[in-house]
PDB file of N, CA and C in Angstrom:
ATOM      1  N   MET A   1      -6.014 -55.209 132.780  1.00  0.00           N
ATOM      2  CA  MET A   1      -5.883 -56.127 131.572  1.00  0.00           C
ATOM      3  C   MET A   1      -5.291 -57.482 131.908  1.00  0.00           C
ATOM      4  N   LYS A   2      -5.666 -58.443 131.577  1.00  0.00           N
ATOM      5  CA  LYS A   2      -4.840 -59.670 131.941  1.00  0.00           C
ATOM      6  C   LYS A   2      -3.823 -59.994 130.780  1.00  0.00           C
ATOM      7  N   SER A   3      -2.899 -60.582 131.291  1.00  0.00           N
ATOM      8  CA  SER A   3      -1.646 -60.892 130.364  1.00  0.00           C
ATOM      9  C   SER A   3      -0.960 -62.179 130.517  1.00  0.00           C
ATOM     10  N   MET A   4      -0.289 -62.730 129.654  1.00  0.00           N
ATOM     11  CA  MET A   4       0.364 -64.193 129.819  1.00  0.00           C
ATOM     12  C   MET A   4       1.511 -63.974 129.083  1.00  0.00           C
ATOM     13  N   ASP A   5       2.630 -64.855 129.398  1.00  0.00           N
ATOM     14  CA  ASP A   5       3.666 -64.721 128.616  1.00  0.00           C
ATOM     15  C   ASP A   5       3.730 -66.101 127.466  1.00  0.00           C
ATOM     16  N   THR A   6       4.865 -66.272 126.904  1.00  0.00           N
ATOM     17  CA  THR A   6       4.696 -67.140 125.818  1.00  0.00           C
ATOM     18  C   THR A   6       5.009 -68.409 126.526  1.00  0.00           C
ATOM     19  N   THR A   7       5.899 -68.380 127.417  1.00  0.00           N
ATOM     20  CA  THR A   7       5.890 -69.982 128.087  1.00  0.00           C
ATOM     21  C   THR A   7       4.753 -70.574 128.813  1.00  0.00           C
ATOM     22  N   GLN A   8       3.781 -69.635 129.123  1.00  0.00           N
ATOM     23  CA  GLN A   8       2.299 -69.893 129.796  1.00  0.00           C
ATOM     24  C   GLN A   8       1.558 -70.247 128.509  1.00  0.00           C
ATOM     25  N   LEU A   9       1.843 -69.824 127.299  1.00  0.00           N
ATOM     26  CA  LEU A   9       0.924 -70.062 126.211  1.00  0.00           C
ATOM     27  C   LEU A   9       1.490 -71.315 125.703  1.00  0.00           C
ATOM     28  N   LEU A  10       2.582 -71.637 125.327  1.00  0.00           N
ATOM     29  CA  LEU A  10       3.387 -72.928 125.102  1.00  0.00           C
ATOM     30  C   LEU A  10       2.684 -73.893 125.928  1.00  0.00           C
ATOM     31  N   GLU A  11       2.610 -73.898 127.330  1.00  0.00           N
ATOM     32  CA  GLU A  11       2.246 -74.777 128.270  1.00  0.00           C
ATOM     33  C   GLU A  11       0.760 -75.236 127.787  1.00  0.00           C
ATOM     34  N   LEU A  12       0.038 -74.098 127.581  1.00  0.00           N
ATOM     35  CA  LEU A  12      -1.474 -74.381 127.213  1.00  0.00           C
ATOM     36  C   LEU A  12      -1.477 -75.336 126.018  1.00  0.00           C
ATOM     37  N   LEU A  13      -0.661 -74.643 124.620  1.00  0.00           N
ATOM     38  CA  LEU A  13      -0.904 -75.290 123.579  1.00  0.00           C
ATOM     39  C   LEU A  13      -0.238 -76.963 123.719  1.00  0.00           C
ATOM     40  N   ASP A  14       0.854 -77.110 124.327  1.00  0.00           N
ATOM     41  CA  ASP A  14       1.175 -78.536 124.693  1.00  0.00           C
ATOM     42  C   ASP A  14       0.173 -79.199 125.343  1.00  0.00           C
ATOM     43  N   ALA A  15      -0.531 -78.869 126.225  1.00  0.00           N
ATOM     44  CA  ALA A  15      -1.759 -79.774 126.919  1.00  0.00           C
ATOM     45  C   ALA A  15      -2.870 -79.793 125.965  1.00  0.00           C
ATOM     46  N   ASN A  16      -2.784 -79.318 124.844  1.00  0.00           N
ATOM     47  CA  ASN A  16      -3.985 -79.271 123.840  1.00  0.00           C
ATOM     48  C   ASN A  16      -5.284 -78.693 124.263  1.00  0.00           C
ATOM     49  N   GLU A  17      -5.062 -77.587 125.227  1.00  0.00           N
ATOM     50  CA  GLU A  17      -6.104 -76.891 125.422  1.00  0.00           C
ATOM     51  C   GLU A  17      -6.872 -76.211 124.439  1.00  0.00           C
ATOM     52  N   ASP A  18      -8.319 -76.031 124.505  1.00  0.00           N
ATOM     53  CA  ASP A  18      -8.753 -75.341 123.429  1.00  0.00           C
ATOM     54  C   ASP A  18      -8.689 -73.831 123.592  1.00  0.00           C
ATOM     55  N   LEU A  19      -8.069 -73.512 122.764  1.00  0.00           N
ATOM     56  CA  LEU A  19      -7.310 -71.865 122.752  1.00  0.00           C
ATOM     57  C   LEU A  19      -8.140 -70.989 121.670  1.00  0.00           C
ATOM     58  N   TYR A  20      -8.490 -69.973 122.022  1.00  0.00           N
ATOM     59  CA  TYR A  20      -9.304 -69.096 121.123  1.00  0.00           C
ATOM     60  C   TYR A  20      -7.644 -67.895 120.724  1.00  0.00           C
ATOM     61  N   ILE A  21      -7.206 -67.834 119.752  1.00  0.00           N
ATOM     62  CA  ILE A  21      -6.025 -66.961 119.597  1.00  0.00           C
ATOM     63  C   ILE A  21      -6.551 -66.073 118.423  1.00  0.00           C
ATOM     64  N   ILE A  22      -6.197 -64.709 118.542  1.00  0.00           N
ATOM     65  CA  ILE A  22      -6.613 -63.815 117.546  1.00  0.00           C
ATOM     66  C   ILE A  22      -5.115 -63.192 117.393  1.00  0.00           C
ATOM     67  N   ASP A  23      -4.711 -63.044 116.156  1.00  0.00           N
ATOM     68  CA  ASP A  23      -3.621 -62.373 115.753  1.00  0.00           C
ATOM     69  C   ASP A  23      -3.792 -61.223 114.858  1.00  0.00           C
ATOM     70  N   VAL A  24      -3.453 -60.275 115.487  1.00  0.00           N
ATOM     71  CA  VAL A  24      -3.794 -58.691 115.158  1.00  0.00           C
ATOM     72  C   VAL A  24      -3.067 -58.164 114.342  1.00  0.00           C
ATOM     73  N   ARG A  25      -1.947 -58.946 113.715  1.00  0.00           N
ATOM     74  CA  ARG A  25      -0.856 -58.332 112.752  1.00  0.00           C
ATOM     75  C   ARG A  25      -1.182 -57.966 111.430  1.00  0.00           C
ATOM     76  N   GLU A  26      -0.573 -57.635 110.687  1.00  0.00           N
ATOM     77  CA  GLU A  26      -0.959 -57.078 109.140  1.00  0.00           C
ATOM     78  C   GLU A  26      -0.907 -58.407 108.587  1.00  0.00           C
ATOM     79  N   ASP A  27      -1.560 -58.437 107.253  1.00  0.00           N
ATOM     80  CA  ASP A  27      -1.455 -59.512 106.430  1.00  0.00           C
ATOM     81  C   ASP A  27       0.115 -59.981 106.138  1.00  0.00           C
ATOM     82  N   ASP A  28       1.026 -59.105 105.837  1.00  0.00           N
ATOM     83  CA  ASP A  28       2.334 -59.130 105.568  1.00  0.00           C
ATOM     84  C   ASP A  28       3.157 -59.977 106.689  1.00  0.00           C
ATOM     85  N   GLU A  29       2.723 -59.493 107.804  1.00  0.00           N
ATOM     86  CA  GLU A  29       3.416 -60.061 108.966  1.00  0.00           C
ATOM     87  C   GLU A  29       2.943 -61.379 109.132  1.00  0.00           C
ATOM     88  N   VAL A  30       1.614 -61.742 109.064  1.00  0.00           N
ATOM     89  CA  VAL A  30       1.175 -63.284 109.401  1.00  0.00           C
ATOM     90  C   VAL A  30       1.675 -64.139 108.341  1.00  0.00           C
ATOM     91  N   ALA A  31       1.912 -63.599 107.139  1.00  0.00           N
ATOM     92  CA  ALA A  31       2.534 -64.484 106.134  1.00  0.00           C
ATOM     93  C   ALA A  31       3.743 -65.084 106.535  1.00  0.00           C
ATOM     94  N   GLN A  32       4.387 -64.463 107.758  1.00  0.00           N
ATOM     95  CA  GLN A  32       5.821 -65.108 108.202  1.00  0.00           C
ATOM     96  C   GLN A  32       5.508 -66.269 109.010  1.00  0.00           C
ATOM     97  N   GLY A  33       4.060 -66.674 109.408  1.00  0.00           N
ATOM     98  CA  GLY A  33       3.975 -67.748 110.395  1.00  0.00           C
ATOM     99  C   GLY A  33       2.964 -67.101 111.581  1.00  0.00           C
ATOM    100  N   MET A  34       2.128 -67.723 111.748  1.00  0.00           N
ATOM    101  CA  MET A  34       1.097 -67.918 113.019  1.00  0.00           C
ATOM    102  C   MET A  34       1.337 -68.790 113.960  1.00  0.00           C
ATOM    103  N   ILE A  35       0.893 -68.467 115.154  1.00  0.00           N
ATOM    104  CA  ILE A  35       0.474 -69.487 115.934  1.00  0.00           C
ATOM    105  C   ILE A  35      -0.553 -70.419 115.646  1.00  0.00           C
ATOM    106  N   PRO A  36      -0.144 -71.938 115.521  1.00  0.00           N
ATOM    107  CA  PRO A  36      -1.304 -72.918 114.924  1.00  0.00           C
ATOM    108  C   PRO A  36      -2.598 -72.774 115.552  1.00  0.00           C
ATOM    109  N   GLY A  37      -3.719 -72.694 114.598  1.00  0.00           N
ATOM    110  CA  GLY A  37      -5.016 -72.625 115.123  1.00  0.00           C
ATOM    111  C   GLY A  37      -5.432 -70.864 115.374  1.00  0.00           C
ATOM    112  N   ALA A  38      -4.555 -70.260 115.244  1.00  0.00           N
ATOM    113  CA  ALA A  38      -4.930 -68.712 115.400  1.00  0.00           C
ATOM    114  C   ALA A  38      -5.887 -68.459 114.509  1.00  0.00           C
ATOM    115  N   GLN A  39      -6.736 -66.995 114.840  1.00  0.00           N
ATOM    116  CA  GLN A  39      -7.365 -66.485 113.767  1.00  0.00           C
ATOM    117  C   GLN A  39      -6.913 -65.178 113.438  1.00  0.00           C
ATOM    118  N   HIS A  40      -6.752 -64.749 112.221  1.00  0.00           N
ATOM    119  CA  HIS A  40      -6.433 -63.429 111.633  1.00  0.00           C
ATOM    120  C   HIS A  40      -7.333 -62.364 111.563  1.00  0.00           C
ATOM    121  N   ILE A  41      -7.247 -61.546 112.522  1.00  0.00           N
ATOM    122  CA  ILE A  41      -8.089 -60.318 112.277  1.00  0.00           C
ATOM    123  C   ILE A  41      -7.358 -59.036 112.645  1.00  0.00           C
ATOM    124  N   ALA A  42      -6.842 -58.421 111.455  1.00  0.00           N
ATOM    125  CA  ALA A  42      -5.790 -57.344 111.502  1.00  0.00           C
ATOM    126  C   ALA A  42      -6.398 -56.422 112.426  1.00  0.00           C
ATOM    127  N   LEU A  43      -5.838 -55.331 113.417  1.00  0.00           N
ATOM    128  CA  LEU A  43      -6.212 -54.593 114.356  1.00  0.00           C
ATOM    129  C   LEU A  43      -7.179 -53.664 113.987  1.00  0.00           C
ATOM    130  N   GLY A  44      -6.967 -53.092 112.859  1.00  0.00           N
ATOM    131  CA  GLY A  44      -7.890 -52.024 112.200  1.00  0.00           C
ATOM    132  C   GLY A  44      -9.001 -52.682 111.678  1.00  0.00           C
ATOM    133  N   THR A  45      -9.393 -53.808 111.414  1.00  0.00           N
ATOM    134  CA  THR A  45     -10.524 -54.576 111.213  1.00  0.00           C
ATOM    135  C   THR A  45     -11.483 -54.756 112.318  1.00  0.00           C
ATOM    136  N   ILE A  46     -10.943 -55.101 113.453  1.00  0.00           N
ATOM    137  CA  ILE A  46     -11.630 -55.683 114.740  1.00  0.00           C
ATOM    138  C   ILE A  46     -13.134 -55.147 114.814  1.00  0.00           C
ATOM    139  N   PRO A  47     -13.186 -53.746 114.792  1.00  0.00           N
ATOM    140  CA  PRO A  47     -14.589 -53.069 114.958  1.00  0.00           C
ATOM    141  C   PRO A  47     -15.678 -53.613 114.082  1.00  0.00           C
ATOM    142  N   GLU A  48     -15.127 -54.032 112.678  1.00  0.00           N
ATOM    143  CA  GLU A  48     -16.385 -54.641 111.857  1.00  0.00           C
ATOM    144  C   GLU A  48     -16.465 -55.818 111.667  1.00  0.00           C
ATOM    145  N   ARG A  49     -15.632 -56.603 112.419  1.00  0.00           N
ATOM    146  CA  ARG A  49     -15.475 -58.092 112.576  1.00  0.00           C
ATOM    147  C   ARG A  49     -15.869 -58.821 114.002  1.00  0.00           C
ATOM    148  N   LEU A  50     -16.446 -57.756 114.686  1.00  0.00           N
ATOM    149  CA  LEU A  50     -16.868 -58.206 116.267  1.00  0.00           C
ATOM    150  C   LEU A  50     -17.832 -59.283 115.913  1.00  0.00           C
ATOM    151  N   GLU A  51     -18.678 -59.425 115.137  1.00  0.00           N
ATOM    152  CA  GLU A  51     -19.706 -60.296 115.171  1.00  0.00           C
ATOM    153  C   GLU A  51     -19.260 -61.680 114.923  1.00  0.00           C
ATOM    154  N   GLU A  52     -17.761 -61.845 114.200  1.00  0.00           N
ATOM    155  CA  GLU A  52     -17.089 -63.208 114.221  1.00  0.00           C
ATOM    156  C   GLU A  52     -16.533 -63.687 115.775  1.00  0.00           C
ATOM    157  N   LEU A  53     -16.759 -62.901 116.611  1.00  0.00           N
ATOM    158  CA  LEU A  53     -16.228 -63.266 118.005  1.00  0.00           C
ATOM    159  C   LEU A  53     -17.317 -63.801 118.725  1.00  0.00           C
ATOM    160  N   ASN A  54     -17.108 -64.637 119.984  1.00  0.00           N
ATOM    161  CA  ASN A  54     -18.075 -65.295 120.924  1.00  0.00           C
ATOM    162  C   ASN A  54     -17.813 -64.646 122.195  1.00  0.00           C
ATOM    163  N   ALA A  55     -18.697 -63.712 122.547  1.00  0.00           N
ATOM    164  CA  ALA A  55     -18.453 -63.352 123.865  1.00  0.00           C
ATOM    165  C   ALA A  55     -18.349 -64.076 124.979  1.00  0.00           C
ATOM    166  N   THR A  56     -18.376 -65.532 124.948  1.00  0.00           N
ATOM    167  CA  THR A  56     -18.685 -66.493 125.895  1.00  0.00           C
ATOM    168  C   THR A  56     -17.125 -67.141 126.047  1.00  0.00           C
ATOM    169  N   LYS A  57     -16.304 -66.719 124.927  1.00  0.00           N
ATOM    170  CA  LYS A  57     -15.153 -67.393 124.849  1.00  0.00           C
ATOM    171  C   LYS A  57     -13.833 -66.632 125.328  1.00  0.00           C
ATOM    172  N   PRO A  58     -12.655 -67.380 126.244  1.00  0.00           N
ATOM    173  CA  PRO A  58     -11.785 -66.662 126.459  1.00  0.00           C
ATOM    174  C   PRO A  58     -11.100 -66.341 125.362  1.00  0.00           C
ATOM    175  N   TYR A  59     -10.537 -65.078 124.886  1.00  0.00           N
ATOM    176  CA  TYR A  59      -9.514 -65.114 123.747  1.00  0.00           C
ATOM    177  C   TYR A  59      -8.127 -64.591 124.145  1.00  0.00           C
ATOM    178  N   ILE A  60      -6.911 -65.150 123.442  1.00  0.00           N
ATOM    179  CA  ILE A  60      -5.609 -64.663 123.546  1.00  0.00           C
ATOM    180  C   ILE A  60      -5.253 -63.795 122.540  1.00  0.00           C
ATOM    181  N   ILE A  61      -4.964 -62.727 122.518  1.00  0.00           N
ATOM    182  CA  ILE A  61      -4.571 -61.578 121.631  1.00  0.00           C
ATOM    183  C   ILE A  61      -2.974 -61.569 121.311  1.00  0.00           C
ATOM    184  N   VAL A  62      -2.729 -61.631 120.058  1.00  0.00           N
ATOM    185  CA  VAL A  62      -1.233 -61.752 119.887  1.00  0.00           C
ATOM    186  C   VAL A  62      -1.008 -60.669 118.688  1.00  0.00           C
ATOM    187  N   CYS A  63       0.123 -59.830 118.828  1.00  0.00           N
ATOM    188  CA  CYS A  63       0.690 -59.055 117.864  1.00  0.00           C
ATOM    189  C   CYS A  63       2.006 -59.365 117.385  1.00  0.00           C
ATOM    190  N   LYS A  64       3.114 -58.462 116.925  1.00  0.00           N
ATOM    191  CA  LYS A  64       4.323 -58.399 116.972  1.00  0.00           C
ATOM    192  C   LYS A  64       5.237 -58.579 118.216  1.00  0.00           C
ATOM    193  N   ALA A  65       5.094 -57.794 119.089  1.00  0.00           N
ATOM    194  CA  ALA A  65       5.532 -57.272 120.217  1.00  0.00           C
ATOM    195  C   ALA A  65       4.722 -57.005 121.293  1.00  0.00           C
ATOM    196  N   GLY A  66       3.616 -57.101 121.229  1.00  0.00           N
ATOM    197  CA  GLY A  66       2.662 -56.928 122.442  1.00  0.00           C
ATOM    198  C   GLY A  66       1.859 -55.573 122.393  1.00  0.00           C
ATOM    199  N   GLY A  67       2.479 -54.515 121.668  1.00  0.00           N
ATOM    200  CA  GLY A  67       1.634 -53.313 121.842  1.00  0.00           C
ATOM    201  C   GLY A  67       0.272 -53.051 121.260  1.00  0.00           C
ATOM    202  N   ARG A  68       0.201 -53.810 119.889  1.00  0.00           N
ATOM    203  CA  ARG A  68      -0.751 -53.620 119.318  1.00  0.00           C
ATOM    204  C   ARG A  68      -2.093 -54.576 119.982  1.00  0.00           C
ATOM    205  N   SER A  69      -1.531 -55.859 120.460  1.00  0.00           N
ATOM    206  CA  SER A  69      -2.520 -56.475 121.087  1.00  0.00           C
ATOM    207  C   SER A  69      -2.951 -55.922 122.350  1.00  0.00           C
ATOM    208  N   ALA A  70      -2.202 -55.388 122.854  1.00  0.00           N
ATOM    209  CA  ALA A  70      -2.620 -54.692 124.425  1.00  0.00           C
ATOM    210  C   ALA A  70      -3.883 -53.688 123.759  1.00  0.00           C
ATOM    211  N   ASN A  71      -3.672 -52.810 122.800  1.00  0.00           N
ATOM    212  CA  ASN A  71      -4.899 -51.927 122.223  1.00  0.00           C
ATOM    213  C   ASN A  71      -5.928 -52.681 122.140  1.00  0.00           C
ATOM    214  N   ALA A  72      -5.888 -53.807 121.197  1.00  0.00           N
ATOM    215  CA  ALA A  72      -6.923 -54.858 120.802  1.00  0.00           C
ATOM    216  C   ALA A  72      -7.960 -55.116 122.193  1.00  0.00           C
ATOM    217  N   CYS A  73      -6.823 -55.472 123.108  1.00  0.00           N
ATOM    218  CA  CYS A  73      -7.349 -56.151 124.502  1.00  0.00           C
ATOM    219  C   CYS A  73      -8.273 -55.089 125.255  1.00  0.00           C
ATOM    220  N   SER A  74      -7.796 -53.783 125.082  1.00  0.00           N
ATOM    221  CA  SER A  74      -8.276 -52.832 125.832  1.00  0.00           C
ATOM    222  C   SER A  74      -9.760 -52.308 125.017  1.00  0.00           C
ATOM    223  N   TYR A  75      -9.605 -52.458 123.753  1.00  0.00           N
ATOM    224  CA  TYR A  75     -11.005 -52.395 122.809  1.00  0.00           C
ATOM    225  C   TYR A  75     -11.986 -53.433 123.432  1.00  0.00           C
ATOM    226  N   LEU A  76     -11.601 -54.728 123.189  1.00  0.00           N
ATOM    227  CA  LEU A  76     -12.579 -55.761 123.179  1.00  0.00           C
ATOM    228  C   LEU A  76     -12.839 -55.815 124.649  1.00  0.00           C
ATOM    229  N   GLU A  77     -12.136 -55.837 125.750  1.00  0.00           N
ATOM    230  CA  GLU A  77     -12.665 -55.572 127.258  1.00  0.00           C
ATOM    231  C   GLU A  77     -13.733 -54.746 127.071  1.00  0.00           C
ATOM    232  N   ALA A  78     -13.681 -53.480 126.711  1.00  0.00           N
ATOM    233  CA  ALA A  78     -14.739 -52.447 126.715  1.00  0.00           C
ATOM    234  C   ALA A  78     -16.064 -52.933 126.123  1.00  0.00           C
ATOM    235  N   GLN A  79     -16.069 -53.940 124.958  1.00  0.00           N
ATOM    236  CA  GLN A  79     -16.934 -54.415 124.526  1.00  0.00           C
ATOM    237  C   GLN A  79     -17.531 -55.716 125.029  1.00  0.00           C
ATOM    238  N   GLY A  80     -17.080 -55.967 126.408  1.00  0.00           N
ATOM    239  CA  GLY A  80     -17.390 -57.368 126.957  1.00  0.00           C
ATOM    240  C   GLY A  80     -16.793 -58.401 127.096  1.00  0.00           C
ATOM    241  N   PHE A  81     -15.752 -58.489 126.042  1.00  0.00           N
ATOM    242  CA  PHE A  81     -14.799 -59.685 125.747  1.00  0.00           C
ATOM    243  C   PHE A  81     -13.855 -60.066 126.965  1.00  0.00           C
ATOM    244  N   ASP A  82     -13.632 -61.429 127.179  1.00  0.00           N
ATOM    245  CA  ASP A  82     -12.596 -61.811 128.059  1.00  0.00           C
ATOM    246  C   ASP A  82     -11.236 -62.051 127.164  1.00  0.00           C
ATOM    247  N   VAL A  83     -10.318 -61.003 127.139  1.00  0.00           N
ATOM    248  CA  VAL A  83      -9.088 -61.291 126.597  1.00  0.00           C
ATOM    249  C   VAL A  83      -7.983 -61.163 127.406  1.00  0.00           C
ATOM    250  N   THR A  84      -7.097 -61.880 126.999  1.00  0.00           N
ATOM    251  CA  THR A  84      -5.772 -61.944 127.775  1.00  0.00           C
ATOM    252  C   THR A  84      -4.646 -61.119 126.598  1.00  0.00           C
ATOM    253  N   ASN A  85      -3.769 -60.579 126.856  1.00  0.00           N
ATOM    254  CA  ASN A  85      -2.659 -60.206 125.959  1.00  0.00           C
ATOM    255  C   ASN A  85      -1.484 -61.107 125.951  1.00  0.00           C
ATOM    256  N   LEU A  86      -0.856 -61.299 124.857  1.00  0.00           N
ATOM    257  CA  LEU A  86       0.407 -61.969 124.844  1.00  0.00           C
ATOM    258  C   LEU A  86       1.400 -61.169 125.054  1.00  0.00           C
ATOM    259  N   GLU A  87       2.163 -61.264 126.294  1.00  0.00           N
ATOM    260  CA  GLU A  87       3.454 -60.262 126.342  1.00  0.00           C
ATOM    261  C   GLU A  87       4.499 -60.689 125.473  1.00  0.00           C
ATOM    262  N   GLY A  88       5.068 -59.730 124.842  1.00  0.00           N
ATOM    263  CA  GLY A  88       6.284 -60.149 123.934  1.00  0.00           C
ATOM    264  C   GLY A  88       5.697 -60.356 122.513  1.00  0.00           C
ATOM    265  N   GLY A  89       4.797 -60.652 122.654  1.00  0.00           N
ATOM    266  CA  GLY A  89       3.995 -61.301 121.166  1.00  0.00           C
ATOM    267  C   GLY A  89       4.798 -62.163 120.289  1.00  0.00           C
ATOM    268  N   MET A  90       4.817 -62.142 118.917  1.00  0.00           N
ATOM    269  CA  MET A  90       5.300 -63.260 118.394  1.00  0.00           C
ATOM    270  C   MET A  90       7.024 -62.942 118.313  1.00  0.00           C
ATOM    271  N   LEU A  91       7.577 -61.935 118.806  1.00  0.00           N
ATOM    272  CA  LEU A  91       8.964 -61.719 118.748  1.00  0.00           C
ATOM    273  C   LEU A  91       9.357 -62.597 119.972  1.00  0.00           C
ATOM    274  N   ALA A  92       8.616 -62.974 121.010  1.00  0.00           N
ATOM    275  CA  ALA A  92       9.087 -63.647 122.039  1.00  0.00           C
ATOM    276  C   ALA A  92       8.551 -65.193 121.840  1.00  0.00           C
ATOM    277  N   TYR A  93       7.675 -65.530 121.004  1.00  0.00           N
ATOM    278  CA  TYR A  93       7.292 -67.113 120.591  1.00  0.00           C
ATOM    279  C   TYR A  93       7.967 -67.645 119.916  1.00  0.00           C
ATOM    280  N   ASP A  94       8.332 -68.933 120.379  1.00  0.00           N
ATOM    281  CA  ASP A  94       9.682 -69.878 119.870  1.00  0.00           C
ATOM    282  C   ASP A  94       8.940 -71.042 119.485  1.00  0.00           C
ATOM    283  N   GLY A  95       7.542 -71.455 119.550  1.00  0.00           N
ATOM    284  CA  GLY A  95       6.812 -72.300 119.360  1.00  0.00           C
ATOM    285  C   GLY A  95       6.562 -72.798 117.663  1.00  0.00           C
ATOM    286  N   GLU A  96       5.935 -73.809 117.449  1.00  0.00           N
ATOM    287  CA  GLU A  96       5.550 -74.021 116.201  1.00  0.00           C
ATOM    288  C   GLU A  96       4.773 -72.930 115.362  1.00  0.00           C
ATOM    289  N   LEU A  97       4.980 -72.679 114.084  1.00  0.00           N
ATOM    290  CA  LEU A  97       4.381 -71.806 113.384  1.00  0.00           C
ATOM    291  C   LEU A  97       3.514 -72.489 112.161  1.00  0.00           C
ATOM    292  N   GLU A  98       2.315 -71.644 111.887  1.00  0.00           N
ATOM    293  CA  GLU A  98       1.560 -72.266 110.866  1.00  0.00           C
ATOM    294  C   GLU A  98       1.539 -71.101 109.571  1.00  0.00           C
ATOM    295  N   PHE A  99       1.470 -71.674 108.416  1.00  0.00           N
ATOM    296  CA  PHE A  99       1.617 -70.767 107.406  1.00  0.00           C
ATOM    297  C   PHE A  99       0.345 -71.005 106.493  1.00  0.00           C
ATOM    298  N   LYS A 100      -0.145 -69.612 106.296  1.00  0.00           N
ATOM    299  CA  LYS A 100      -1.515 -69.729 105.439  1.00  0.00           C
ATOM    300  C   LYS A 100      -1.257 -69.064 104.179  1.00  0.00           C
TER     301      LYS A 100
END
């Protein structure tokens, strides 16, 4: 499984790269702030929302600490998606936040 740390992610965000970030945390966690531009798909809803994802795009998967996102990466990889786990998750992320 591919992974990156938050420093690498912040460098990509600063470079205005086109990133496809999926936040797999629960609604109450996401309410505390998300990485700007991230799409919220709670871990338990991924199988029923697969059609919202594009298999030709690389996704960065994030959760609170990195465990749930690793589970999501394993599942999505098995479905043929190109995914990268954000190590340390939102606990390690100290960049801008977006509130929805």
